[in-house]
PDB file of N, CA and C in Angstrom:
ATOM      1  N   MET A   1      -0.364 -20.139 -10.554  1.00  0.00           N
ATOM      2  CA  MET A   1      -0.906 -18.696  -9.997  1.00  0.00           C
ATOM      3  C   MET A   1      -1.832 -18.083 -10.922  1.00  0.00           C
ATOM      4  N   ALA A   2      -2.822 -17.764  -9.997  1.00  0.00           N
ATOM      5  CA  ALA A   2      -4.115 -17.060 -11.057  1.00  0.00           C
ATOM      6  C   ALA A   2      -3.545 -15.517 -11.448  1.00  0.00           C
ATOM      7  N   GLU A   3      -3.942 -14.929 -12.757  1.00  0.00           N
ATOM      8  CA  GLU A   3      -4.004 -13.923 -13.057  1.00  0.00           C
ATOM      9  C   GLU A   3      -3.944 -12.708 -12.367  1.00  0.00           C
ATOM     10  N   PRO A   4      -3.299 -11.374 -12.260  1.00  0.00           N
ATOM     11  CA  PRO A   4      -3.857 -10.692 -11.434  1.00  0.00           C
ATOM     12  C   PRO A   4      -4.810  -9.852 -12.154  1.00  0.00           C
ATOM     13  N   VAL A   5      -6.222  -9.187 -11.131  1.00  0.00           N
ATOM     14  CA  VAL A   5      -7.086  -8.614 -11.692  1.00  0.00           C
ATOM     15  C   VAL A   5      -6.661  -7.146 -12.465  1.00  0.00           C
ATOM     16  N   ASP A   6      -7.318  -6.991 -13.519  1.00  0.00           N
ATOM     17  CA  ASP A   6      -7.459  -5.988 -14.139  1.00  0.00           C
ATOM     18  C   ASP A   6      -7.838  -4.708 -13.564  1.00  0.00           C
ATOM     19  N   GLU A   7      -7.260  -3.882 -13.222  1.00  0.00           N
ATOM     20  CA  GLU A   7      -7.118  -2.283 -12.491  1.00  0.00           C
ATOM     21  C   GLU A   7      -8.810  -1.913 -12.931  1.00  0.00           C
ATOM     22  N   ASP A   8      -9.033  -1.375 -14.145  1.00  0.00           N
ATOM     23  CA  ASP A   8      -9.551  -1.003 -15.056  1.00  0.00           C
ATOM     24  C   ASP A   8     -11.091  -1.847 -14.679  1.00  0.00           C
ATOM     25  N   ALA A   9     -11.041  -3.432 -14.616  1.00  0.00           N
ATOM     26  CA  ALA A   9     -12.142  -3.667 -14.077  1.00  0.00           C
ATOM     27  C   ALA A   9     -12.547  -3.813 -12.689  1.00  0.00           C
ATOM     28  N   VAL A  10     -11.562  -3.383 -11.810  1.00  0.00           N
ATOM     29  CA  VAL A  10     -11.902  -2.911 -10.813  1.00  0.00           C
ATOM     30  C   VAL A  10     -12.855  -1.837 -10.615  1.00  0.00           C
ATOM     31  N   ARG A  11     -12.127  -0.774 -11.017  1.00  0.00           N
ATOM     32  CA  ARG A  11     -12.520   0.406 -11.229  1.00  0.00           C
ATOM     33  C   ARG A  11     -13.939   0.643 -11.981  1.00  0.00           C
ATOM     34  N   GLU A  12     -14.436  -0.140 -13.012  1.00  0.00           N
ATOM     35  CA  GLU A  12     -15.553  -0.118 -13.480  1.00  0.00           C
ATOM     36  C   GLU A  12     -16.621  -1.130 -12.759  1.00  0.00           C
ATOM     37  N   ALA A  13     -16.198  -1.666 -11.479  1.00  0.00           N
ATOM     38  CA  ALA A  13     -16.985  -2.136 -10.706  1.00  0.00           C
ATOM     39  C   ALA A  13     -17.227  -1.455  -9.524  1.00  0.00           C
ATOM     40  N   LEU A  14     -16.801  -0.770  -9.325  1.00  0.00           N
ATOM     41  CA  LEU A  14     -16.798   0.492  -8.411  1.00  0.00           C
ATOM     42  C   LEU A  14     -17.886   1.297  -9.117  1.00  0.00           C
ATOM     43  N   ARG A  15     -18.111   1.507 -10.084  1.00  0.00           N
ATOM     44  CA  ARG A  15     -19.309   2.135 -10.503  1.00  0.00           C
ATOM     45  C   ARG A  15     -20.431   1.748  -9.777  1.00  0.00           C
ATOM     46  N   ALA A  16     -20.731   0.289  -9.491  1.00  0.00           N
ATOM     47  CA  ALA A  16     -22.145   0.265  -9.119  1.00  0.00           C
ATOM     48  C   ALA A  16     -22.111   0.870  -7.689  1.00  0.00           C
ATOM     49  N   VAL A  17     -20.938   1.131  -6.826  1.00  0.00           N
ATOM     50  CA  VAL A  17     -21.310   1.845  -5.579  1.00  0.00           C
ATOM     51  C   VAL A  17     -21.611   3.385  -5.706  1.00  0.00           C
ATOM     52  N   GLN A  18     -22.754   3.462  -5.145  1.00  0.00           N
ATOM     53  CA  GLN A  18     -23.682   5.142  -5.629  1.00  0.00           C
ATOM     54  C   GLN A  18     -23.548   5.800  -3.959  1.00  0.00           C
ATOM     55  N   ASP A  19     -23.165   6.955  -4.178  1.00  0.00           N
ATOM     56  CA  ASP A  19     -23.070   7.944  -2.962  1.00  0.00           C
ATOM     57  C   ASP A  19     -24.799   8.260  -2.915  1.00  0.00           C
ATOM     58  N   PRO A  20     -25.142   7.876  -1.762  1.00  0.00           N
ATOM     59  CA  PRO A  20     -26.708   8.111  -1.750  1.00  0.00           C
ATOM     60  C   PRO A  20     -26.983   9.648  -1.480  1.00  0.00           C
ATOM     61  N   GLU A  21     -26.343  10.146  -0.879  1.00  0.00           N
ATOM     62  CA  GLU A  21     -26.122  11.816  -0.784  1.00  0.00           C
ATOM     63  C   GLU A  21     -25.998  12.481  -1.988  1.00  0.00           C
ATOM     64  N   ALA A  22     -25.172  12.287  -2.952  1.00  0.00           N
ATOM     65  CA  ALA A  22     -24.855  12.679  -4.303  1.00  0.00           C
ATOM     66  C   ALA A  22     -25.508  11.867  -5.265  1.00  0.00           C
ATOM     67  N   GLY A  23     -26.112  11.061  -4.663  1.00  0.00           N
ATOM     68  CA  GLY A  23     -26.863  10.331  -6.420  1.00  0.00           C
ATOM     69  C   GLY A  23     -26.000   9.930  -7.493  1.00  0.00           C
ATOM     70  N   MET A  24     -24.782   9.891  -7.216  1.00  0.00           N
ATOM     71  CA  MET A  24     -23.663   9.297  -8.463  1.00  0.00           C
ATOM     72  C   MET A  24     -22.581   8.308  -7.607  1.00  0.00           C
ATOM     73  N   ASN A  25     -22.177   7.527  -8.839  1.00  0.00           N
ATOM     74  CA  ASN A  25     -21.350   6.849  -8.451  1.00  0.00           C
ATOM     75  C   ASN A  25     -19.918   7.315  -7.887  1.00  0.00           C
ATOM     76  N   ILE A  26     -19.145   6.265  -7.202  1.00  0.00           N
ATOM     77  CA  ILE A  26     -18.105   7.012  -6.388  1.00  0.00           C
ATOM     78  C   ILE A  26     -17.160   7.248  -7.476  1.00  0.00           C
ATOM     79  N   VAL A  27     -16.580   6.898  -8.403  1.00  0.00           N
ATOM     80  CA  VAL A  27     -15.952   6.483  -9.460  1.00  0.00           C
ATOM     81  C   VAL A  27     -16.127   7.967 -10.081  1.00  0.00           C
ATOM     82  N   ASP A  28     -17.035   8.460 -10.336  1.00  0.00           N
ATOM     83  CA  ASP A  28     -17.189   9.436 -11.451  1.00  0.00           C
ATOM     84  C   ASP A  28     -17.280  10.844 -10.048  1.00  0.00           C
ATOM     85  N   LEU A  29     -17.080  10.507  -9.023  1.00  0.00           N
ATOM     86  CA  LEU A  29     -17.091  11.533  -8.161  1.00  0.00           C
ATOM     87  C   LEU A  29     -15.742  12.039  -7.516  1.00  0.00           C
ATOM     88  N   GLY A  30     -15.140  10.867  -8.182  1.00  0.00           N
ATOM     89  CA  GLY A  30     -13.513  11.252  -8.043  1.00  0.00           C
ATOM     90  C   GLY A  30     -13.175  10.655  -6.556  1.00  0.00           C
ATOM     91  N   LEU A  31     -14.398   9.806  -5.420  1.00  0.00           N
ATOM     92  CA  LEU A  31     -13.368   9.311  -4.272  1.00  0.00           C
ATOM     93  C   LEU A  31     -12.620   8.325  -4.615  1.00  0.00           C
ATOM     94  N   ILE A  32     -12.787   7.749  -5.493  1.00  0.00           N
ATOM     95  CA  ILE A  32     -11.463   6.765  -5.548  1.00  0.00           C
ATOM     96  C   ILE A  32     -10.080   7.182  -6.074  1.00  0.00           C
ATOM     97  N   TYR A  33      -9.024   7.319  -5.093  1.00  0.00           N
ATOM     98  CA  TYR A  33      -7.965   7.699  -5.387  1.00  0.00           C
ATOM     99  C   TYR A  33      -7.028   6.603  -5.874  1.00  0.00           C
ATOM    100  N   GLY A  34      -7.130   5.544  -5.559  1.00  0.00           N
ATOM    101  CA  GLY A  34      -5.822   4.585  -6.084  1.00  0.00           C
ATOM    102  C   GLY A  34      -6.532   2.979  -6.396  1.00  0.00           C
ATOM    103  N   VAL A  35      -6.369   2.302  -7.190  1.00  0.00           N
ATOM    104  CA  VAL A  35      -6.359   0.635  -6.849  1.00  0.00           C
ATOM    105  C   VAL A  35      -5.229   0.189  -7.738  1.00  0.00           C
ATOM    106  N   THR A  36      -4.751  -0.889  -6.737  1.00  0.00           N
ATOM    107  CA  THR A  36      -4.347  -1.592  -7.137  1.00  0.00           C
ATOM    108  C   THR A  36      -4.523  -3.094  -7.230  1.00  0.00           C
ATOM    109  N   ALA A  37      -4.270  -3.819  -8.297  1.00  0.00           N
ATOM    110  CA  ALA A  37      -4.570  -5.056  -8.401  1.00  0.00           C
ATOM    111  C   ALA A  37      -3.823  -5.937  -8.733  1.00  0.00           C
ATOM    112  N   ALA A  38      -3.099  -7.242  -7.836  1.00  0.00           N
ATOM    113  CA  ALA A  38      -2.415  -8.036  -7.942  1.00  0.00           C
ATOM    114  C   ALA A  38      -2.498  -9.497  -7.784  1.00  0.00           C
ATOM    115  N   GLN A  39      -1.516 -10.278  -7.774  1.00  0.00           N
ATOM    116  CA  GLN A  39      -1.997 -12.028  -7.586  1.00  0.00           C
ATOM    117  C   GLN A  39      -2.469 -11.905  -6.465  1.00  0.00           C
ATOM    118  N   ASP A  40      -2.144 -11.218  -5.593  1.00  0.00           N
ATOM    119  CA  ASP A  40      -2.210 -11.310  -4.440  1.00  0.00           C
ATOM    120  C   ASP A  40      -3.116 -10.392  -3.702  1.00  0.00           C
ATOM    121  N   GLY A  41      -3.890  -9.978  -4.165  1.00  0.00           N
ATOM    122  CA  GLY A  41      -5.468  -9.240  -3.973  1.00  0.00           C
ATOM    123  C   GLY A  41      -5.378  -8.248  -4.528  1.00  0.00           C
ATOM    124  N   VAL A  42      -6.383  -7.535  -4.097  1.00  0.00           N
ATOM    125  CA  VAL A  42      -6.685  -5.923  -4.387  1.00  0.00           C
ATOM    126  C   VAL A  42      -7.151  -4.993  -3.464  1.00  0.00           C
ATOM    127  N   ALA A  43      -6.232  -3.800  -3.744  1.00  0.00           N
ATOM    128  CA  ALA A  43      -6.462  -2.868  -2.379  1.00  0.00           C
ATOM    129  C   ALA A  43      -7.047  -1.700  -3.315  1.00  0.00           C
ATOM    130  N   VAL A  44      -7.755  -0.866  -2.400  1.00  0.00           N
ATOM    131  CA  VAL A  44      -8.447   0.672  -2.948  1.00  0.00           C
ATOM    132  C   VAL A  44      -8.397   1.721  -2.271  1.00  0.00           C
ATOM    133  N   GLN A  45      -7.725   2.723  -2.169  1.00  0.00           N
ATOM    134  CA  GLN A  45      -7.857   3.795  -1.356  1.00  0.00           C
ATOM    135  C   GLN A  45      -8.702   4.685  -2.241  1.00  0.00           C
ATOM    136  N   MET A  46      -9.678   5.332  -0.759  1.00  0.00           N
ATOM    137  CA  MET A  46     -10.600   6.219  -1.160  1.00  0.00           C
ATOM    138  C   MET A  46     -10.715   7.148   0.108  1.00  0.00           C
ATOM    139  N   THR A  47     -11.398   8.001  -0.525  1.00  0.00           N
ATOM    140  CA  THR A  47     -12.172   9.173   0.752  1.00  0.00           C
ATOM    141  C   THR A  47     -13.349   9.623   0.455  1.00  0.00           C
ATOM    142  N   MET A  48     -13.780  10.342   1.371  1.00  0.00           N
ATOM    143  CA  MET A  48     -14.881  11.254   1.440  1.00  0.00           C
ATOM    144  C   MET A  48     -15.141  12.551   0.668  1.00  0.00           C
ATOM    145  N   THR A  49     -15.745  13.100   0.818  1.00  0.00           N
ATOM    146  CA  THR A  49     -15.948  14.592   0.325  1.00  0.00           C
ATOM    147  C   THR A  49     -15.583  15.485   1.467  1.00  0.00           C
ATOM    148  N   SER A  50     -16.291  14.490   2.575  1.00  0.00           N
ATOM    149  CA  SER A  50     -15.786  15.410   3.845  1.00  0.00           C
ATOM    150  C   SER A  50     -15.521  14.495   5.157  1.00  0.00           C
ATOM    151  N   ALA A  51     -14.606  14.969   5.736  1.00  0.00           N
ATOM    152  CA  ALA A  51     -14.586  13.730   7.099  1.00  0.00           C
ATOM    153  C   ALA A  51     -15.616  13.585   8.067  1.00  0.00           C
ATOM    154  N   ALA A  52     -16.489  14.508   8.172  1.00  0.00           N
ATOM    155  CA  ALA A  52     -17.983  14.193   8.397  1.00  0.00           C
ATOM    156  C   ALA A  52     -19.016  13.774   7.892  1.00  0.00           C
ATOM    157  N   CYS A  53     -18.628  12.804   6.541  1.00  0.00           N
ATOM    158  CA  CYS A  53     -19.496  12.315   5.721  1.00  0.00           C
ATOM    159  C   CYS A  53     -20.311  10.706   6.862  1.00  0.00           C
ATOM    160  N   PRO A  54     -21.730  11.310   6.846  1.00  0.00           N
ATOM    161  CA  PRO A  54     -22.304  10.436   7.328  1.00  0.00           C
ATOM    162  C   PRO A  54     -22.450   8.737   7.311  1.00  0.00           C
ATOM    163  N   VAL A  55     -21.989   8.737   5.490  1.00  0.00           N
ATOM    164  CA  VAL A  55     -22.295   7.554   5.217  1.00  0.00           C
ATOM    165  C   VAL A  55     -20.775   6.561   4.959  1.00  0.00           C
ATOM    166  N   ALA A  56     -19.805   7.083   5.097  1.00  0.00           N
ATOM    167  CA  ALA A  56     -18.368   6.792   5.366  1.00  0.00           C
ATOM    168  C   ALA A  56     -18.349   5.132   5.353  1.00  0.00           C
ATOM    169  N   GLU A  57     -18.707   4.808   6.327  1.00  0.00           N
ATOM    170  CA  GLU A  57     -18.395   3.329   6.649  1.00  0.00           C
ATOM    171  C   GLU A  57     -19.338   2.824   5.512  1.00  0.00           C
ATOM    172  N   MET A  58     -20.545   3.054   5.493  1.00  0.00           N
ATOM    173  CA  MET A  58     -21.246   2.355   4.527  1.00  0.00           C
ATOM    174  C   MET A  58     -20.914   2.441   3.432  1.00  0.00           C
ATOM    175  N   LEU A  59     -20.208   3.178   2.705  1.00  0.00           N
ATOM    176  CA  LEU A  59     -19.694   3.247   1.448  1.00  0.00           C
ATOM    177  C   LEU A  59     -18.454   2.081   1.393  1.00  0.00           C
ATOM    178  N   VAL A  60     -17.665   2.225   2.391  1.00  0.00           N
ATOM    179  CA  VAL A  60     -16.277   1.465   2.816  1.00  0.00           C
ATOM    180  C   VAL A  60     -16.854  -0.192   2.466  1.00  0.00           C
ATOM    181  N   ASP A  61     -18.031  -0.062   3.005  1.00  0.00           N
ATOM    182  CA  ASP A  61     -18.013  -1.993   3.492  1.00  0.00           C
ATOM    183  C   ASP A  61     -18.870  -1.956   1.754  1.00  0.00           C
ATOM    184  N   GLU A  62     -19.900  -1.532   1.436  1.00  0.00           N
ATOM    185  CA  GLU A  62     -20.601  -1.884  -0.125  1.00  0.00           C
ATOM    186  C   GLU A  62     -19.492  -1.373  -1.289  1.00  0.00           C
ATOM    187  N   VAL A  63     -18.308  -1.051  -0.857  1.00  0.00           N
ATOM    188  CA  VAL A  63     -16.910  -1.441  -2.093  1.00  0.00           C
ATOM    189  C   VAL A  63     -16.495  -2.784  -1.665  1.00  0.00           C
ATOM    190  N   ARG A  64     -16.583  -3.132  -0.248  1.00  0.00           N
ATOM    191  CA  ARG A  64     -15.683  -4.190  -0.305  1.00  0.00           C
ATOM    192  C   ARG A  64     -16.725  -5.710  -0.933  1.00  0.00           C
ATOM    193  N   GLU A  65     -18.114  -5.354  -0.399  1.00  0.00           N
ATOM    194  CA  GLU A  65     -18.949  -6.243  -0.669  1.00  0.00           C
ATOM    195  C   GLU A  65     -19.116  -6.502  -2.916  1.00  0.00           C
ATOM    196  N   VAL A  66     -19.236  -5.670  -2.864  1.00  0.00           N
ATOM    197  CA  VAL A  66     -19.387  -4.916  -4.685  1.00  0.00           C
ATOM    198  C   VAL A  66     -18.087  -5.908  -5.305  1.00  0.00           C
ATOM    199  N   LEU A  67     -16.710  -5.694  -4.599  1.00  0.00           N
ATOM    200  CA  LEU A  67     -15.634  -6.382  -4.875  1.00  0.00           C
ATOM    201  C   LEU A  67     -15.845  -8.037  -4.955  1.00  0.00           C
ATOM    202  N   ARG A  68     -16.313  -8.488  -3.597  1.00  0.00           N
ATOM    203  CA  ARG A  68     -16.090  -9.445  -2.976  1.00  0.00           C
ATOM    204  C   ARG A  68     -17.155 -10.282  -4.366  1.00  0.00           C
ATOM    205  N   ARG A  69     -18.140  -9.630  -4.697  1.00  0.00           N
ATOM    206  CA  ARG A  69     -18.913 -10.553  -5.836  1.00  0.00           C
ATOM    207  C   ARG A  69     -18.521 -10.562  -7.154  1.00  0.00           C
ATOM    208  N   THR A  70     -17.292  -9.280  -7.091  1.00  0.00           N
ATOM    209  CA  THR A  70     -16.931  -9.313  -8.629  1.00  0.00           C
ATOM    210  C   THR A  70     -15.954 -10.023  -9.019  1.00  0.00           C
ATOM    211  N   LEU A  71     -14.867  -9.964  -8.162  1.00  0.00           N
ATOM    212  CA  LEU A  71     -13.470 -10.557  -8.029  1.00  0.00           C
ATOM    213  C   LEU A  71     -13.563 -12.327  -8.501  1.00  0.00           C
ATOM    214  N   PRO A  72     -12.569 -12.901  -8.531  1.00  0.00           N
ATOM    215  CA  PRO A  72     -12.364 -14.514  -7.940  1.00  0.00           C
ATOM    216  C   PRO A  72     -12.658 -14.652  -6.690  1.00  0.00           C
ATOM    217  N   ALA A  73     -13.590 -15.877  -6.503  1.00  0.00           N
ATOM    218  CA  ALA A  73     -13.616 -16.193  -4.924  1.00  0.00           C
ATOM    219  C   ALA A  73     -12.267 -16.331  -4.254  1.00  0.00           C
ATOM    220  N   GLY A  74     -12.617 -15.699  -2.869  1.00  0.00           N
ATOM    221  CA  GLY A  74     -11.228 -15.971  -2.049  1.00  0.00           C
ATOM    222  C   GLY A  74     -10.346 -14.756  -2.534  1.00  0.00           C
ATOM    223  N   THR A  75     -10.339 -13.785  -3.383  1.00  0.00           N
ATOM    224  CA  THR A  75      -9.498 -12.720  -3.544  1.00  0.00           C
ATOM    225  C   THR A  75      -9.620 -11.777  -2.192  1.00  0.00           C
ATOM    226  N   PRO A  76      -8.186 -11.842  -1.748  1.00  0.00           N
ATOM    227  CA  PRO A  76      -8.157 -10.821  -0.853  1.00  0.00           C
ATOM    228  C   PRO A  76      -8.246  -9.338  -1.151  1.00  0.00           C
ATOM    229  N   VAL A  77      -9.304  -8.427  -0.519  1.00  0.00           N
ATOM    230  CA  VAL A  77      -9.795  -7.205  -0.681  1.00  0.00           C
ATOM    231  C   VAL A  77      -9.206  -6.202   0.320  1.00  0.00           C
ATOM    232  N   ASP A  78      -8.605  -5.265  -0.033  1.00  0.00           N
ATOM    233  CA  ASP A  78      -8.483  -4.096   1.336  1.00  0.00           C
ATOM    234  C   ASP A  78      -8.600  -3.028   0.629  1.00  0.00           C
ATOM    235  N   VAL A  79      -9.260  -2.138   1.774  1.00  0.00           N
ATOM    236  CA  VAL A  79     -10.056  -0.601   1.528  1.00  0.00           C
ATOM    237  C   VAL A  79      -9.431   0.329   2.566  1.00  0.00           C
ATOM    238  N   GLU A  80      -8.895   0.992   2.303  1.00  0.00           N
ATOM    239  CA  GLU A  80      -8.349   2.270   2.841  1.00  0.00           C
ATOM    240  C   GLU A  80      -8.826   3.385   2.547  1.00  0.00           C
ATOM    241  N   LEU A  81      -9.796   3.855   4.132  1.00  0.00           N
ATOM    242  CA  LEU A  81     -10.019   5.298   3.637  1.00  0.00           C
ATOM    243  C   LEU A  81      -8.968   6.481   4.022  1.00  0.00           C
ATOM    244  N   VAL A  82      -8.623   7.347   2.990  1.00  0.00           N
ATOM    245  CA  VAL A  82      -7.817   8.370   3.306  1.00  0.00           C
ATOM    246  C   VAL A  82      -8.332   9.412   3.099  1.00  0.00           C
ATOM    247  N   TRP A  83      -7.519  10.766   3.741  1.00  0.00           N
ATOM    248  CA  TRP A  83      -8.180  11.903   3.822  1.00  0.00           C
ATOM    249  C   TRP A  83      -6.909  12.806   2.955  1.00  0.00           C
ATOM    250  N   ASP A  84      -5.592  12.175   2.873  1.00  0.00           N
ATOM    251  CA  ASP A  84      -4.646  13.235   2.140  1.00  0.00           C
ATOM    252  C   ASP A  84      -4.413  12.617   0.615  1.00  0.00           C
ATOM    253  N   PRO A  85      -4.398  13.785   0.112  1.00  0.00           N
ATOM    254  CA  PRO A  85      -5.040  15.019  -0.522  1.00  0.00           C
ATOM    255  C   PRO A  85      -6.446  14.927  -0.208  1.00  0.00           C
ATOM    256  N   PRO A  86      -6.949  16.240   0.301  1.00  0.00           N
ATOM    257  CA  PRO A  86      -8.448  16.392   0.769  1.00  0.00           C
ATOM    258  C   PRO A  86      -9.080  16.693  -0.521  1.00  0.00           C
ATOM    259  N   TRP A  87     -10.315  15.926  -0.577  1.00  0.00           N
ATOM    260  CA  TRP A  87     -10.921  15.866  -2.063  1.00  0.00           C
ATOM    261  C   TRP A  87     -11.261  17.162  -2.639  1.00  0.00           C
ATOM    262  N   THR A  88     -11.591  17.445  -3.790  1.00  0.00           N
ATOM    263  CA  THR A  88     -12.191  18.571  -4.100  1.00  0.00           C
ATOM    264  C   THR A  88     -12.997  18.454  -5.599  1.00  0.00           C
ATOM    265  N   PRO A  89     -14.186  19.276  -5.547  1.00  0.00           N
ATOM    266  CA  PRO A  89     -14.503  18.787  -6.470  1.00  0.00           C
ATOM    267  C   PRO A  89     -14.077  18.646  -8.155  1.00  0.00           C
ATOM    268  N   GLU A  90     -12.376  19.143  -8.266  1.00  0.00           N
ATOM    269  CA  GLU A  90     -11.773  19.187  -9.318  1.00  0.00           C
ATOM    270  C   GLU A  90     -11.377  17.843  -9.551  1.00  0.00           C
ATOM    271  N   ARG A  91     -11.817  16.639  -8.810  1.00  0.00           N
ATOM    272  CA  ARG A  91     -11.629  15.049  -9.044  1.00  0.00           C
ATOM    273  C   ARG A  91     -12.379  14.493  -9.048  1.00  0.00           C
ATOM    274  N   MET A  92     -13.909  15.267  -9.634  1.00  0.00           N
ATOM    275  CA  MET A  92     -15.236  14.639 -10.390  1.00  0.00           C
ATOM    276  C   MET A  92     -14.725  14.603 -11.801  1.00  0.00           C
ATOM    277  N   SER A  93     -15.441  13.633 -12.469  1.00  0.00           N
ATOM    278  CA  SER A  93     -15.074  13.302 -14.022  1.00  0.00           C
ATOM    279  C   SER A  93     -16.269  14.499 -14.056  1.00  0.00           C
ATOM    280  N   GLY A  94     -15.689  14.814 -15.615  1.00  0.00           N
ATOM    281  CA  GLY A  94     -16.961  15.476 -16.521  1.00  0.00           C
ATOM    282  C   GLY A  94     -18.256  15.723 -16.388  1.00  0.00           C
ATOM    283  N   LEU A  95     -18.646  14.131 -16.156  1.00  0.00           N
ATOM    284  CA  LEU A  95     -19.580  13.507 -16.426  1.00  0.00           C
ATOM    285  C   LEU A  95     -20.583  13.869 -14.715  1.00  0.00           C
ATOM    286  N   ALA A  96     -19.693  14.321 -14.126  1.00  0.00           N
ATOM    287  CA  ALA A  96     -20.190  14.468 -12.545  1.00  0.00           C
ATOM    288  C   ALA A  96     -20.299  16.159 -12.878  1.00  0.00           C
ATOM    289  N   ARG A  97     -19.297  16.529 -13.076  1.00  0.00           N
ATOM    290  CA  ARG A  97     -19.416  18.159 -13.085  1.00  0.00           C
ATOM    291  C   ARG A  97     -20.719  18.627 -13.952  1.00  0.00           C
ATOM    292  N   GLU A  98     -20.798  17.851 -15.177  1.00  0.00           N
ATOM    293  CA  GLU A  98     -22.310  18.498 -15.924  1.00  0.00           C
ATOM    294  C   GLU A  98     -23.715  18.001 -14.985  1.00  0.00           C
ATOM    295  N   HIS A  99     -23.516  16.959 -14.043  1.00  0.00           N
ATOM    296  CA  HIS A  99     -24.329  16.629 -13.600  1.00  0.00           C
ATOM    297  C   HIS A  99     -24.739  17.563 -12.409  1.00  0.00           C
ATOM    298  N   PHE A 100     -24.099  17.974 -11.700  1.00  0.00           N
ATOM    299  CA  PHE A 100     -23.900  19.323 -10.489  1.00  0.00           C
ATOM    300  C   PHE A 100     -24.106  20.318 -11.295  1.00  0.00           C
ATOM    301  N   GLY A 101     -23.826  20.878 -12.490  1.00  0.00           N
ATOM    302  CA  GLY A 101     -23.914  22.097 -12.927  1.00  0.00           C
ATOM    303  C   GLY A 101     -22.555  22.624 -12.746  1.00  0.00           C
ATOM    304  N   TRP A 102     -21.594  22.021 -12.885  1.00  0.00           N
ATOM    305  CA  TRP A 102     -20.220  22.319 -12.666  1.00  0.00           C
ATOM    306  C   TRP A 102     -19.370  22.350 -13.277  1.00  0.00           C
ATOM    307  N   ALA A 103     -20.037  22.335 -14.814  1.00  0.00           N
ATOM    308  CA  ALA A 103     -19.055  21.889 -16.125  1.00  0.00           C
ATOM    309  C   ALA A 103     -18.837  23.552 -16.821  1.00  0.00           C
ATOM    310  N   PRO A 104     -17.586  23.323 -17.128  1.00  0.00           N
ATOM    311  CA  PRO A 104     -17.645  25.269 -18.049  1.00  0.00           C
ATOM    312  C   PRO A 104     -18.595  25.466 -19.307  1.00  0.00           C
ATOM    313  N   ARG A 105     -18.973  26.315 -19.498  1.00  0.00           N
ATOM    314  CA  ARG A 105     -19.834  26.417 -20.263  1.00  0.00           C
ATOM    315  C   ARG A 105     -19.322  27.315 -21.675  1.00  0.00           C
TER     316      ARG A 105
END
């Protein structure tokens, strides 16, 4: 049986996915709610900054594509778009908050 994929490696791969509206990767934006990596595949739970996000479908497709290119061939990938809890700026990394000028001074 194949070794399970490392969840940190999955998160690192997801840094390649940029939110075109924010100009930043989806990990630092706090859009990735969960990553589960096991021998039988990888599952990602993600959200958008708003339920009305016009690029939601594109970002979900890009997550799937980045993981298909990164993971061993044939690894099943499940990407679930979730809305609970709702996204807030507090989910962003310190780097993202600095980028947008929201870091404490």
